[in-house]
């Protein structure tokens, strides 16, 4: 699957690992972050286990972005962190004035829960 801007609910259900990277941009570097994200996103298409990614811009101008990514498994994400991150992102984010925090989630299979509670 190539890089997508969004996933359908069926596609998201296939992805079992969701990673949300909160990125706080300081020193008015929003356009730099968005440009860097657009440039590196294309390099993610061939990453094993990668399903898709979205960049969410804050509407209040607070400078806190969310990068949502969907993966086949946590192992796929960890492998990308260990071996492919620099290749996909190129240069580091040094000089962009960013702070980030990684949040990790699993997709809840709601139909299965509904069947159990049924």
PDB file of N, CA and C in Angstrom:
ATOM      1  N   UNK A   1       0.842  -1.177   0.000  1.00  0.00           N
ATOM      2  CA  UNK A   1       0.000   0.000   0.000  1.00  0.00           C
ATOM      3  C   UNK A   1       0.882   1.233   0.000  1.00  0.00           C
ATOM      4  N   UNK A   2       0.571   2.206  -0.799  1.00  0.00           N
ATOM      5  CA  UNK A   2       1.348   3.426  -0.855  1.00  0.00           C
ATOM      6  C   UNK A   2       0.991   4.375   0.264  1.00  0.00           C
ATOM      7  N   UNK A   3       1.642   5.501   0.273  1.00  0.00           N
ATOM      8  CA  UNK A   3       1.373   6.517   1.274  1.00  0.00           C
ATOM      9  C   UNK A   3       0.008   7.120   0.998  1.00  0.00           C
ATOM     10  N   UNK A   4      -0.788   7.254   2.030  1.00  0.00           N
ATOM     11  CA  UNK A   4      -2.123   7.811   1.878  1.00  0.00           C
ATOM     12  C   UNK A   4      -2.305   8.990   2.809  1.00  0.00           C
ATOM     13  N   UNK A   5      -3.268   9.835   2.469  1.00  0.00           N
ATOM     14  CA  UNK A   5      -3.585  10.959   3.334  1.00  0.00           C
ATOM     15  C   UNK A   5      -4.549  10.556   4.437  1.00  0.00           C
ATOM     16  N   UNK A   6      -5.355   9.540   4.185  1.00  0.00           N
ATOM     17  CA  UNK A   6      -6.272   9.051   5.206  1.00  0.00           C
ATOM     18  C   UNK A   6      -6.583   7.595   4.915  1.00  0.00           C
ATOM     19  N   UNK A   7      -7.095   6.925   5.913  1.00  0.00           N
ATOM     20  CA  UNK A   7      -7.448   5.519   5.767  1.00  0.00           C
ATOM     21  C   UNK A   7      -8.943   5.359   5.957  1.00  0.00           C
ATOM     22  N   UNK A   8      -9.548   4.439   5.211  1.00  0.00           N
ATOM     23  CA  UNK A   8     -10.938   4.093   5.465  1.00  0.00           C
ATOM     24  C   UNK A   8     -10.987   3.313   6.765  1.00  0.00           C
ATOM     25  N   UNK A   9     -12.170   3.170   7.339  1.00  0.00           N
ATOM     26  CA  UNK A   9     -12.265   2.420   8.593  1.00  0.00           C
ATOM     27  C   UNK A   9     -11.841   0.970   8.398  1.00  0.00           C
ATOM     28  N   UNK A  10     -12.103   0.398   7.219  1.00  0.00           N
ATOM     29  CA  UNK A  10     -11.674  -0.978   6.951  1.00  0.00           C
ATOM     30  C   UNK A  10     -10.161  -1.071   6.899  1.00  0.00           C
ATOM     31  N   UNK A  11      -9.499  -0.093   6.271  1.00  0.00           N
ATOM     32  CA  UNK A  11      -8.037  -0.098   6.204  1.00  0.00           C
ATOM     33  C   UNK A  11      -7.434   0.113   7.580  1.00  0.00           C
ATOM     34  N   UNK A  12      -8.021   0.995   8.372  1.00  0.00           N
ATOM     35  CA  UNK A  12      -7.508   1.247   9.715  1.00  0.00           C
ATOM     36  C   UNK A  12      -7.652   0.006  10.585  1.00  0.00           C
ATOM     37  N   UNK A  13      -8.708  -0.774  10.365  1.00  0.00           N
ATOM     38  CA  UNK A  13      -8.908  -1.989  11.150  1.00  0.00           C
ATOM     39  C   UNK A  13      -7.820  -3.015  10.868  1.00  0.00           C
ATOM     40  N   UNK A  14      -7.268  -3.013   9.653  1.00  0.00           N
ATOM     41  CA  UNK A  14      -6.182  -3.930   9.306  1.00  0.00           C
ATOM     42  C   UNK A  14      -4.906  -3.528  10.032  1.00  0.00           C
ATOM     43  N   UNK A  15      -4.683  -2.238  10.176  1.00  0.00           N
ATOM     44  CA  UNK A  15      -3.505  -1.749  10.888  1.00  0.00           C
ATOM     45  C   UNK A  15      -3.751  -1.916  12.381  1.00  0.00           C
ATOM     46  N   UNK A  16      -2.869  -2.599  13.062  1.00  0.00           N
ATOM     47  CA  UNK A  16      -3.087  -2.857  14.478  1.00  0.00           C
ATOM     48  C   UNK A  16      -2.291  -1.930  15.382  1.00  0.00           C
ATOM     49  N   UNK A  17      -1.343  -1.214  14.843  1.00  0.00           N
ATOM     50  CA  UNK A  17      -0.534  -0.308  15.652  1.00  0.00           C
ATOM     51  C   UNK A  17      -0.687   1.111  15.114  1.00  0.00           C
ATOM     52  N   UNK A  18      -1.054   2.012  15.993  1.00  0.00           N
ATOM     53  CA  UNK A  18      -1.202   3.419  15.631  1.00  0.00           C
ATOM     54  C   UNK A  18      -0.227   4.215  16.483  1.00  0.00           C
ATOM     55  N   UNK A  19       0.560   5.035  15.835  1.00  0.00           N
ATOM     56  CA  UNK A  19       1.525   5.873  16.539  1.00  0.00           C
ATOM     57  C   UNK A  19       1.140   7.326  16.309  1.00  0.00           C
ATOM     58  N   UNK A  20       1.139   8.098  17.374  1.00  0.00           N
ATOM     59  CA  UNK A  20       0.839   9.522  17.277  1.00  0.00           C
ATOM     60  C   UNK A  20       2.035  10.264  17.846  1.00  0.00           C
ATOM     61  N   UNK A  21       2.688  10.999  16.987  1.00  0.00           N
ATOM     62  CA  UNK A  21       3.825  11.804  17.410  1.00  0.00           C
ATOM     63  C   UNK A  21       3.325  13.232  17.568  1.00  0.00           C
ATOM     64  N   UNK A  22       3.340  13.738  18.791  1.00  0.00           N
ATOM     65  CA  UNK A  22       2.969  15.132  18.999  1.00  0.00           C
ATOM     66  C   UNK A  22       4.225  15.965  18.799  1.00  0.00           C
ATOM     67  N   UNK A  23       4.104  16.966  17.962  1.00  0.00           N
ATOM     68  CA  UNK A  23       5.251  17.802  17.622  1.00  0.00           C
ATOM     69  C   UNK A  23       4.901  19.246  17.935  1.00  0.00           C
ATOM     70  N   UNK A  24       5.615  19.835  18.865  1.00  0.00           N
ATOM     71  CA  UNK A  24       5.417  21.244  19.185  1.00  0.00           C
ATOM     72  C   UNK A  24       6.481  22.041  18.452  1.00  0.00           C
ATOM     73  N   UNK A  25       6.007  22.957  17.617  1.00  0.00           N
ATOM     74  CA  UNK A  25       6.902  23.790  16.824  1.00  0.00           C
ATOM     75  C   UNK A  25       7.109  25.103  17.569  1.00  0.00           C
ATOM     76  N   UNK A  26       8.354  25.456  17.759  1.00  0.00           N
ATOM     77  CA  UNK A  26       8.680  26.725  18.406  1.00  0.00           C
ATOM     78  C   UNK A  26       9.363  27.633  17.396  1.00  0.00           C
ATOM     79  N   UNK A  27       9.475  28.873  17.725  1.00  0.00           N
ATOM     80  CA  UNK A  27      10.168  29.850  16.885  1.00  0.00           C
ATOM     81  C   UNK A  27       9.541  29.996  15.500  1.00  0.00           C
ATOM     82  N   UNK A  28       8.206  29.856  15.403  1.00  0.00           N
ATOM     83  CA  UNK A  28       7.469  30.076  14.150  1.00  0.00           C
ATOM     84  C   UNK A  28       8.040  29.278  12.982  1.00  0.00           C
ATOM     85  N   UNK A  29       8.285  27.991  13.196  1.00  0.00           N
ATOM     86  CA  UNK A  29       8.846  27.121  12.157  1.00  0.00           C
ATOM     87  C   UNK A  29       7.797  26.191  11.537  1.00  0.00           C
ATOM     88  N   UNK A  30       6.515  26.585  11.575  1.00  0.00           N
ATOM     89  CA  UNK A  30       5.448  25.723  11.072  1.00  0.00           C
ATOM     90  C   UNK A  30       5.643  25.357   9.604  1.00  0.00           C
ATOM     91  N   UNK A  31       5.955  26.337   8.769  1.00  0.00           N
ATOM     92  CA  UNK A  31       6.107  26.041   7.339  1.00  0.00           C
ATOM     93  C   UNK A  31       7.296  25.108   7.100  1.00  0.00           C
ATOM     94  N   UNK A  32       8.333  25.234   7.900  1.00  0.00           N
ATOM     95  CA  UNK A  32       9.477  24.333   7.782  1.00  0.00           C
ATOM     96  C   UNK A  32       9.103  22.905   8.122  1.00  0.00           C
ATOM     97  N   UNK A  33       8.315  22.728   9.183  1.00  0.00           N
ATOM     98  CA  UNK A  33       7.867  21.392   9.568  1.00  0.00           C
ATOM     99  C   UNK A  33       6.974  20.796   8.485  1.00  0.00           C
ATOM    100  N   UNK A  34       6.020  21.563   7.997  1.00  0.00           N
ATOM    101  CA  UNK A  34       5.096  21.053   6.982  1.00  0.00           C
ATOM    102  C   UNK A  34       5.834  20.701   5.694  1.00  0.00           C
ATOM    103  N   UNK A  35       6.789  21.516   5.305  1.00  0.00           N
ATOM    104  CA  UNK A  35       7.586  21.225   4.113  1.00  0.00           C
ATOM    105  C   UNK A  35       8.423  19.977   4.274  1.00  0.00           C
ATOM    106  N   UNK A  36       9.035  19.815   5.433  1.00  0.00           N
ATOM    107  CA  UNK A  36       9.845  18.625   5.713  1.00  0.00           C
ATOM    108  C   UNK A  36       8.979  17.374   5.710  1.00  0.00           C
ATOM    109  N   UNK A  37       7.794  17.480   6.300  1.00  0.00           N
ATOM    110  CA  UNK A  37       6.882  16.340   6.337  1.00  0.00           C
ATOM    111  C   UNK A  37       6.459  15.941   4.926  1.00  0.00           C
ATOM    112  N   UNK A  38       6.103  16.911   4.107  1.00  0.00           N
ATOM    113  CA  UNK A  38       5.687  16.620   2.727  1.00  0.00           C
ATOM    114  C   UNK A  38       6.806  15.944   1.949  1.00  0.00           C
ATOM    115  N   UNK A  39       8.033  16.396   2.154  1.00  0.00           N
ATOM    116  CA  UNK A  39       9.171  15.833   1.422  1.00  0.00           C
ATOM    117  C   UNK A  39       9.477  14.401   1.849  1.00  0.00           C
ATOM    118  N   UNK A  40       9.390  14.114   3.133  1.00  0.00           N
ATOM    119  CA  UNK A  40       9.765  12.774   3.607  1.00  0.00           C
ATOM    120  C   UNK A  40       8.628  11.772   3.477  1.00  0.00           C
ATOM    121  N   UNK A  41       7.395  12.228   3.387  1.00  0.00           N
ATOM    122  CA  UNK A  41       6.251  11.317   3.308  1.00  0.00           C
ATOM    123  C   UNK A  41       6.347  10.392   2.099  1.00  0.00           C
ATOM    124  N   UNK A  42       6.822  10.908   0.989  1.00  0.00           N
ATOM    125  CA  UNK A  42       6.929  10.091  -0.224  1.00  0.00           C
ATOM    126  C   UNK A  42       7.871   8.907  -0.029  1.00  0.00           C
ATOM    127  N   UNK A  43       8.860   9.042   0.832  1.00  0.00           N
ATOM    128  CA  UNK A  43       9.808   7.964   1.075  1.00  0.00           C
ATOM    129  C   UNK A  43       9.262   6.842   1.932  1.00  0.00           C
ATOM    130  N   UNK A  44       8.061   6.993   2.439  1.00  0.00           N
ATOM    131  CA  UNK A  44       7.489   5.982   3.327  1.00  0.00           C
ATOM    132  C   UNK A  44       6.744   4.883   2.573  1.00  0.00           C
ATOM    133  N   UNK A  45       6.452   5.076   1.305  1.00  0.00           N
ATOM    134  CA  UNK A  45       5.631   4.137   0.552  1.00  0.00           C
ATOM    135  C   UNK A  45       6.140   2.713   0.521  1.00  0.00           C
ATOM    136  N   UNK A  46       7.439   2.505   0.517  1.00  0.00           N
ATOM    137  CA  UNK A  46       7.987   1.155   0.440  1.00  0.00           C
ATOM    138  C   UNK A  46       8.386   0.559   1.769  1.00  0.00           C
ATOM    139  N   UNK A  47       8.076   1.221   2.867  1.00  0.00           N
ATOM    140  CA  UNK A  47       8.476   0.732   4.190  1.00  0.00           C
ATOM    141  C   UNK A  47       7.604  -0.465   4.577  1.00  0.00           C
ATOM    142  N   UNK A  48       8.223  -1.615   4.883  1.00  0.00           N
ATOM    143  CA  UNK A  48       7.451  -2.804   5.254  1.00  0.00           C
ATOM    144  C   UNK A  48       6.567  -2.550   6.476  1.00  0.00           C
ATOM    145  N   UNK A  49       5.299  -2.910   6.363  1.00  0.00           N
ATOM    146  CA  UNK A  49       4.366  -2.779   7.473  1.00  0.00           C
ATOM    147  C   UNK A  49       3.721  -1.418   7.611  1.00  0.00           C
ATOM    148  N   UNK A  50       4.151  -0.452   6.820  1.00  0.00           N
ATOM    149  CA  UNK A  50       3.598   0.900   6.901  1.00  0.00           C
ATOM    150  C   UNK A  50       2.283   0.966   6.138  1.00  0.00           C
ATOM    151  N   UNK A  51       1.243   1.549   6.754  1.00  0.00           N
ATOM    152  CA  UNK A  51      -0.075   1.649   6.132  1.00  0.00           C
ATOM    153  C   UNK A  51      -0.429   3.060   5.686  1.00  0.00           C
ATOM    154  N   UNK A  52      -0.065   4.052   6.446  1.00  0.00           N
ATOM    155  CA  UNK A  52      -0.426   5.411   6.066  1.00  0.00           C
ATOM    156  C   UNK A  52      -0.037   6.408   7.136  1.00  0.00           C
ATOM    157  N   UNK A  53      -0.186   7.691   6.788  1.00  0.00           N
ATOM    158  CA  UNK A  53       0.213   8.760   7.693  1.00  0.00           C
ATOM    159  C   UNK A  53      -0.615  10.006   7.410  1.00  0.00           C
ATOM    160  N   UNK A  54      -0.861  10.790   8.439  1.00  0.00           N
ATOM    161  CA  UNK A  54      -1.515  12.086   8.312  1.00  0.00           C
ATOM    162  C   UNK A  54      -0.789  13.085   9.200  1.00  0.00           C
ATOM    163  N   UNK A  55      -0.732  14.325   8.747  1.00  0.00           N
ATOM    164  CA  UNK A  55      -0.218  15.426   9.559  1.00  0.00           C
ATOM    165  C   UNK A  55      -1.404  16.314   9.900  1.00  0.00           C
ATOM    166  N   UNK A  56      -1.655  16.515  11.190  1.00  0.00           N
ATOM    167  CA  UNK A  56      -2.755  17.359  11.639  1.00  0.00           C
ATOM    168  C   UNK A  56      -2.197  18.681  12.146  1.00  0.00           C
ATOM    169  N   UNK A  57      -2.657  19.775  11.535  1.00  0.00           N
ATOM    170  CA  UNK A  57      -2.226  21.131  11.903  1.00  0.00           C
ATOM    171  C   UNK A  57      -3.177  21.685  12.966  1.00  0.00           C
ATOM    172  N   UNK A  58      -2.659  22.345  13.993  1.00  0.00           N
ATOM    173  CA  UNK A  58      -3.532  22.917  15.019  1.00  0.00           C
ATOM    174  C   UNK A  58      -4.346  24.084  14.452  1.00  0.00           C
ATOM    175  N   UNK A  59      -5.638  24.111  14.769  1.00  0.00           N
ATOM    176  CA  UNK A  59      -6.477  25.199  14.268  1.00  0.00           C
ATOM    177  C   UNK A  59      -6.357  26.453  15.123  1.00  0.00           C
ATOM    178  N   UNK A  60      -5.876  26.304  16.345  1.00  0.00           N
ATOM    179  CA  UNK A  60      -5.762  27.465  17.221  1.00  0.00           C
ATOM    180  C   UNK A  60      -4.421  28.178  17.097  1.00  0.00           C
ATOM    181  N   UNK A  61      -3.566  27.691  16.202  1.00  0.00           N
ATOM    182  CA  UNK A  61      -2.261  28.321  16.029  1.00  0.00           C
ATOM    183  C   UNK A  61      -1.301  28.058  17.169  1.00  0.00           C
ATOM    184  N   UNK A  62      -1.595  27.070  18.010  1.00  0.00           N
ATOM    185  CA  UNK A  62      -0.771  26.796  19.175  1.00  0.00           C
ATOM    186  C   UNK A  62       0.565  26.139  18.886  1.00  0.00           C
ATOM    187  N   UNK A  63       0.789  25.730  17.652  1.00  0.00           N
ATOM    188  CA  UNK A  63       2.074  25.147  17.296  1.00  0.00           C
ATOM    189  C   UNK A  63       2.232  23.676  17.622  1.00  0.00           C
ATOM    190  N   UNK A  64       1.170  22.997  18.066  1.00  0.00           N
ATOM    191  CA  UNK A  64       1.266  21.573  18.402  1.00  0.00           C
ATOM    192  C   UNK A  64       0.600  20.749  17.302  1.00  0.00           C
ATOM    193  N   UNK A  65       1.418  20.049  16.532  1.00  0.00           N
ATOM    194  CA  UNK A  65       0.966  19.192  15.442  1.00  0.00           C
ATOM    195  C   UNK A  65       0.861  17.756  15.932  1.00  0.00           C
ATOM    196  N   UNK A  66       0.047  16.963  15.218  1.00  0.00           N
ATOM    197  CA  UNK A  66      -0.023  15.528  15.460  1.00  0.00           C
ATOM    198  C   UNK A  66       0.316  14.814  14.161  1.00  0.00           C
ATOM    199  N   UNK A  67       1.229  13.854  14.244  1.00  0.00           N
ATOM    200  CA  UNK A  67       1.552  12.994  13.109  1.00  0.00           C
ATOM    201  C   UNK A  67       0.992  11.618  13.456  1.00  0.00           C
ATOM    202  N   UNK A  68      -0.051  11.205  12.723  1.00  0.00           N
ATOM    203  CA  UNK A  68      -0.672   9.905  12.941  1.00  0.00           C
ATOM    204  C   UNK A  68      -0.136   8.936  11.912  1.00  0.00           C
ATOM    205  N   UNK A  69       0.346   7.789  12.366  1.00  0.00           N
ATOM    206  CA  UNK A  69       0.797   6.765  11.421  1.00  0.00           C
ATOM    207  C   UNK A  69       0.196   5.427  11.812  1.00  0.00           C
ATOM    208  N   UNK A  70      -0.110   4.617  10.784  1.00  0.00           N
ATOM    209  CA  UNK A  70      -0.724   3.313  10.952  1.00  0.00           C
ATOM    210  C   UNK A  70       0.247   2.256  10.460  1.00  0.00           C
ATOM    211  N   UNK A  71       0.377   1.178  11.229  1.00  0.00           N
ATOM    212  CA  UNK A  71       1.338   0.111  10.946  1.00  0.00           C
ATOM    213  C   UNK A  71       0.668  -1.245  11.080  1.00  0.00           C
ATOM    214  N   UNK A  72       1.181  -2.238  10.350  1.00  0.00           N
ATOM    215  CA  UNK A  72       0.684  -3.607  10.466  1.00  0.00           C
ATOM    216  C   UNK A  72       0.919  -4.164  11.863  1.00  0.00           C
ATOM    217  N   UNK A  73       2.019  -3.765  12.478  1.00  0.00           N
ATOM    218  CA  UNK A  73       2.364  -4.283  13.802  1.00  0.00           C
ATOM    219  C   UNK A  73       3.311  -3.313  14.489  1.00  0.00           C
ATOM    220  N   UNK A  74       3.413  -3.476  15.792  1.00  0.00           N
ATOM    221  CA  UNK A  74       4.371  -2.682  16.547  1.00  0.00           C
ATOM    222  C   UNK A  74       5.791  -3.004  16.102  1.00  0.00           C
ATOM    223  N   UNK A  75       6.028  -4.274  15.749  1.00  0.00           N
ATOM    224  CA  UNK A  75       7.359  -4.689  15.289  1.00  0.00           C
ATOM    225  C   UNK A  75       7.757  -3.961  14.009  1.00  0.00           C
ATOM    226  N   UNK A  76       6.802  -3.741  13.102  1.00  0.00           N
ATOM    227  CA  UNK A  76       7.097  -2.997  11.866  1.00  0.00           C
ATOM    228  C   UNK A  76       7.554  -1.582  12.184  1.00  0.00           C
ATOM    229  N   UNK A  77       6.858  -0.941  13.113  1.00  0.00           N
ATOM    230  CA  UNK A  77       7.224   0.416  13.507  1.00  0.00           C
ATOM    231  C   UNK A  77       8.605   0.436  14.153  1.00  0.00           C
ATOM    232  N   UNK A  78       8.847  -0.493  15.069  1.00  0.00           N
ATOM    233  CA  UNK A  78      10.144  -0.540  15.760  1.00  0.00           C
ATOM    234  C   UNK A  78      11.285  -0.800  14.787  1.00  0.00           C
ATOM    235  N   UNK A  79      11.052  -1.657  13.797  1.00  0.00           N
ATOM    236  CA  UNK A  79      12.074  -1.925  12.791  1.00  0.00           C
ATOM    237  C   UNK A  79      12.372  -0.662  11.986  1.00  0.00           C
ATOM    238  N   UNK A  80      11.327   0.076  11.631  1.00  0.00           N
ATOM    239  CA  UNK A  80      11.522   1.331  10.899  1.00  0.00           C
ATOM    240  C   UNK A  80      12.307   2.333  11.759  1.00  0.00           C
ATOM    241  N   UNK A  81      11.969   2.422  13.042  1.00  0.00           N
ATOM    242  CA  UNK A  81      12.710   3.322  13.932  1.00  0.00           C
ATOM    243  C   UNK A  81      14.185   2.954  13.985  1.00  0.00           C
ATOM    244  N   UNK A  82      14.460   1.660  14.053  1.00  0.00           N
ATOM    245  CA  UNK A  82      15.837   1.198  14.207  1.00  0.00           C
ATOM    246  C   UNK A  82      16.646   1.279  12.923  1.00  0.00           C
ATOM    247  N   UNK A  83      15.998   1.087  11.767  1.00  0.00           N
ATOM    248  CA  UNK A  83      16.773   0.944  10.536  1.00  0.00           C
ATOM    249  C   UNK A  83      16.395   1.875   9.394  1.00  0.00           C
ATOM    250  N   UNK A  84      15.176   2.367   9.351  1.00  0.00           N
ATOM    251  CA  UNK A  84      14.764   3.102   8.166  1.00  0.00           C
ATOM    252  C   UNK A  84      14.395   4.547   8.362  1.00  0.00           C
ATOM    253  N   UNK A  85      14.354   4.993   9.589  1.00  0.00           N
ATOM    254  CA  UNK A  85      13.891   6.345   9.875  1.00  0.00           C
ATOM    255  C   UNK A  85      14.736   7.409   9.185  1.00  0.00           C
ATOM    256  N   UNK A  86      16.047   7.302   9.290  1.00  0.00           N
ATOM    257  CA  UNK A  86      16.919   8.316   8.693  1.00  0.00           C
ATOM    258  C   UNK A  86      16.793   8.337   7.176  1.00  0.00           C
ATOM    259  N   UNK A  87      16.624   7.143   6.574  1.00  0.00           N
ATOM    260  CA  UNK A  87      16.484   7.086   5.117  1.00  0.00           C
ATOM    261  C   UNK A  87      15.191   7.763   4.675  1.00  0.00           C
ATOM    262  N   UNK A  88      14.108   7.569   5.425  1.00  0.00           N
ATOM    263  CA  UNK A  88      12.825   8.157   5.051  1.00  0.00           C
ATOM    264  C   UNK A  88      12.802   9.655   5.304  1.00  0.00           C
ATOM    265  N   UNK A  89      13.403  10.081   6.394  1.00  0.00           N
ATOM    266  CA  UNK A  89      13.338  11.482   6.782  1.00  0.00           C
ATOM    267  C   UNK A  89      14.522  12.311   6.312  1.00  0.00           C
ATOM    268  N   UNK A  90      15.564  11.669   5.864  1.00  0.00           N
ATOM    269  CA  UNK A  90      16.729  12.431   5.420  1.00  0.00           C
ATOM    270  C   UNK A  90      17.406  13.098   6.596  1.00  0.00           C
ATOM    271  N   UNK A  91      17.607  14.381   6.499  1.00  0.00           N
ATOM    272  CA  UNK A  91      18.311  15.107   7.549  1.00  0.00           C
ATOM    273  C   UNK A  91      17.464  15.173   8.806  1.00  0.00           C
ATOM    274  N   UNK A  92      18.106  15.434   9.911  1.00  0.00           N
ATOM    275  CA  UNK A  92      17.399  15.492  11.185  1.00  0.00           C
ATOM    276  C   UNK A  92      16.551  16.754  11.270  1.00  0.00           C
ATOM    277  N   UNK A  93      15.735  16.812  12.315  1.00  0.00           N
ATOM    278  CA  UNK A  93      14.894  17.990  12.516  1.00  0.00           C
ATOM    279  C   UNK A  93      15.626  19.081  13.282  1.00  0.00           C
ATOM    280  N   UNK A  94      16.913  18.914  13.497  1.00  0.00           N
ATOM    281  CA  UNK A  94      17.697  19.941  14.175  1.00  0.00           C
ATOM    282  C   UNK A  94      17.581  21.249  13.410  1.00  0.00           C
ATOM    283  N   UNK A  95      17.431  22.329  14.128  1.00  0.00           N
ATOM    284  CA  UNK A  95      17.310  23.630  13.489  1.00  0.00           C
ATOM    285  C   UNK A  95      15.879  24.009  13.162  1.00  0.00           C
ATOM    286  N   UNK A  96      14.949  23.061  13.302  1.00  0.00           N
ATOM    287  CA  UNK A  96      13.545  23.381  13.049  1.00  0.00           C
ATOM    288  C   UNK A  96      12.851  23.912  14.292  1.00  0.00           C
ATOM    289  N   UNK A  97      13.464  23.792  15.439  1.00  0.00           N
ATOM    290  CA  UNK A  97      12.831  24.256  16.662  1.00  0.00           C
ATOM    291  C   UNK A  97      11.616  23.424  17.021  1.00  0.00           C
ATOM    292  N   UNK A  98      11.779  22.102  17.087  1.00  0.00           N
ATOM    293  CA  UNK A  98      10.652  21.232  17.410  1.00  0.00           C
ATOM    294  C   UNK A  98      10.938  20.408  18.655  1.00  0.00           C
ATOM    295  N   UNK A  99       9.870  20.099  19.365  1.00  0.00           N
ATOM    296  CA  UNK A  99       9.906  19.166  20.481  1.00  0.00           C
ATOM    297  C   UNK A  99       8.865  18.108  20.158  1.00  0.00           C
ATOM    298  N   UNK A 100       9.155  16.834  20.438  1.00  0.00           N
ATOM    299  CA  UNK A 100       8.165  15.810  20.106  1.00  0.00           C
ATOM    300  C   UNK A 100       8.021  14.785  21.220  1.00  0.00           C
ATOM    301  N   UNK A 101       6.863  14.126  21.203  1.00  0.00           N
ATOM    302  CA  UNK A 101       6.557  13.050  22.143  1.00  0.00           C
ATOM    303  C   UNK A 101       5.776  11.990  21.375  1.00  0.00           C
ATOM    304  N   UNK A 102       6.134  10.726  21.553  1.00  0.00           N
ATOM    305  CA  UNK A 102       5.478   9.625  20.858  1.00  0.00           C
ATOM    306  C   UNK A 102       4.423   8.990  21.752  1.00  0.00           C
ATOM    307  N   UNK A 103       3.197   8.884  21.228  1.00  0.00           N
ATOM    308  CA  UNK A 103       2.104   8.185  21.892  1.00  0.00           C
ATOM    309  C   UNK A 103       1.806   6.939  21.068  1.00  0.00           C
ATOM    310  N   UNK A 104       1.533   5.805  21.718  1.00  0.00           N
ATOM    311  CA  UNK A 104       1.329   4.552  20.992  1.00  0.00           C
ATOM    312  C   UNK A 104      -0.022   3.945  21.351  1.00  0.00           C
ATOM    313  N   UNK A 105      -0.733   3.448  20.323  1.00  0.00           N
ATOM    314  CA  UNK A 105      -2.068   2.892  20.499  1.00  0.00           C
ATOM    315  C   UNK A 105      -2.237   1.637  19.666  1.00  0.00           C
ATOM    316  N   UNK A 106      -3.210   0.813  20.038  1.00  0.00           N
ATOM    317  CA  UNK A 106      -3.664  -0.311  19.224  1.00  0.00           C
ATOM    318  C   UNK A 106      -5.067   0.028  18.739  1.00  0.00           C
ATOM    319  N   UNK A 107      -5.424  -0.446  17.540  1.00  0.00           N
ATOM    320  CA  UNK A 107      -6.768  -0.251  17.024  1.00  0.00           C
ATOM    321  C   UNK A 107      -7.689  -1.259  17.706  1.00  0.00           C
ATOM    322  N   UNK A 108      -8.782  -0.772  18.280  1.00  0.00           N
ATOM    323  CA  UNK A 108      -9.756  -1.631  18.935  1.00  0.00           C
ATOM    324  C   UNK A 108     -10.713  -2.160  17.879  1.00  0.00           C
ATOM    325  N   UNK A 109     -10.885  -3.465  17.841  1.00  0.00           N
ATOM    326  CA  UNK A 109     -11.792  -4.096  16.891  1.00  0.00           C
ATOM    327  C   UNK A 109     -13.204  -4.041  17.468  1.00  0.00           C
ATOM    328  N   UNK A 110     -13.918  -2.958  17.201  1.00  0.00           N
ATOM    329  CA  UNK A 110     -15.235  -2.746  17.791  1.00  0.00           C
ATOM    330  C   UNK A 110     -16.269  -3.804  17.416  1.00  0.00           C
ATOM    331  N   UNK A 111     -16.297  -4.320  16.181  1.00  0.00           N
ATOM    332  CA  UNK A 111     -17.269  -5.383  15.902  1.00  0.00           C
ATOM    333  C   UNK A 111     -17.093  -6.594  16.820  1.00  0.00           C
ATOM    334  N   UNK A 112     -15.870  -6.955  17.137  1.00  0.00           N
ATOM    335  CA  UNK A 112     -15.637  -8.092  18.031  1.00  0.00           C
ATOM    336  C   UNK A 112     -16.131  -7.796  19.438  1.00  0.00           C
ATOM    337  N   UNK A 113     -15.918  -6.585  19.902  1.00  0.00           N
ATOM    338  CA  UNK A 113     -16.399  -6.208  21.229  1.00  0.00           C
ATOM    339  C   UNK A 113     -17.916  -6.219  21.244  1.00  0.00           C
ATOM    340  N   UNK A 114     -18.545  -5.716  20.174  1.00  0.00           N
ATOM    341  CA  UNK A 114     -20.005  -5.718  20.086  1.00  0.00           C
ATOM    342  C   UNK A 114     -20.546  -7.139  20.119  1.00  0.00           C
ATOM    343  N   UNK A 115     -19.858  -8.056  19.441  1.00  0.00           N
ATOM    344  CA  UNK A 115     -20.284  -9.458  19.460  1.00  0.00           C
ATOM    345  C   UNK A 115     -20.202 -10.039  20.870  1.00  0.00           C
ATOM    346  N   UNK A 116     -19.150  -9.680  21.590  1.00  0.00           N
ATOM    347  CA  UNK A 116     -18.967 -10.191  22.952  1.00  0.00           C
ATOM    348  C   UNK A 116     -20.040  -9.634  23.878  1.00  0.00           C
ATOM    349  N   UNK A 117     -20.324  -8.333  23.738  1.00  0.00           N
ATOM    350  CA  UNK A 117     -21.298  -7.693  24.616  1.00  0.00           C
ATOM    351  C   UNK A 117     -22.732  -7.993  24.196  1.00  0.00           C
ATOM    352  N   UNK A 118     -22.908  -8.340  22.895  1.00  0.00           N
ATOM    353  CA  UNK A 118     -24.153  -8.592  22.212  1.00  0.00           C
ATOM    354  C   UNK A 118     -25.296  -8.969  23.002  1.00  0.00           C
TER     355      UNK A 118
END
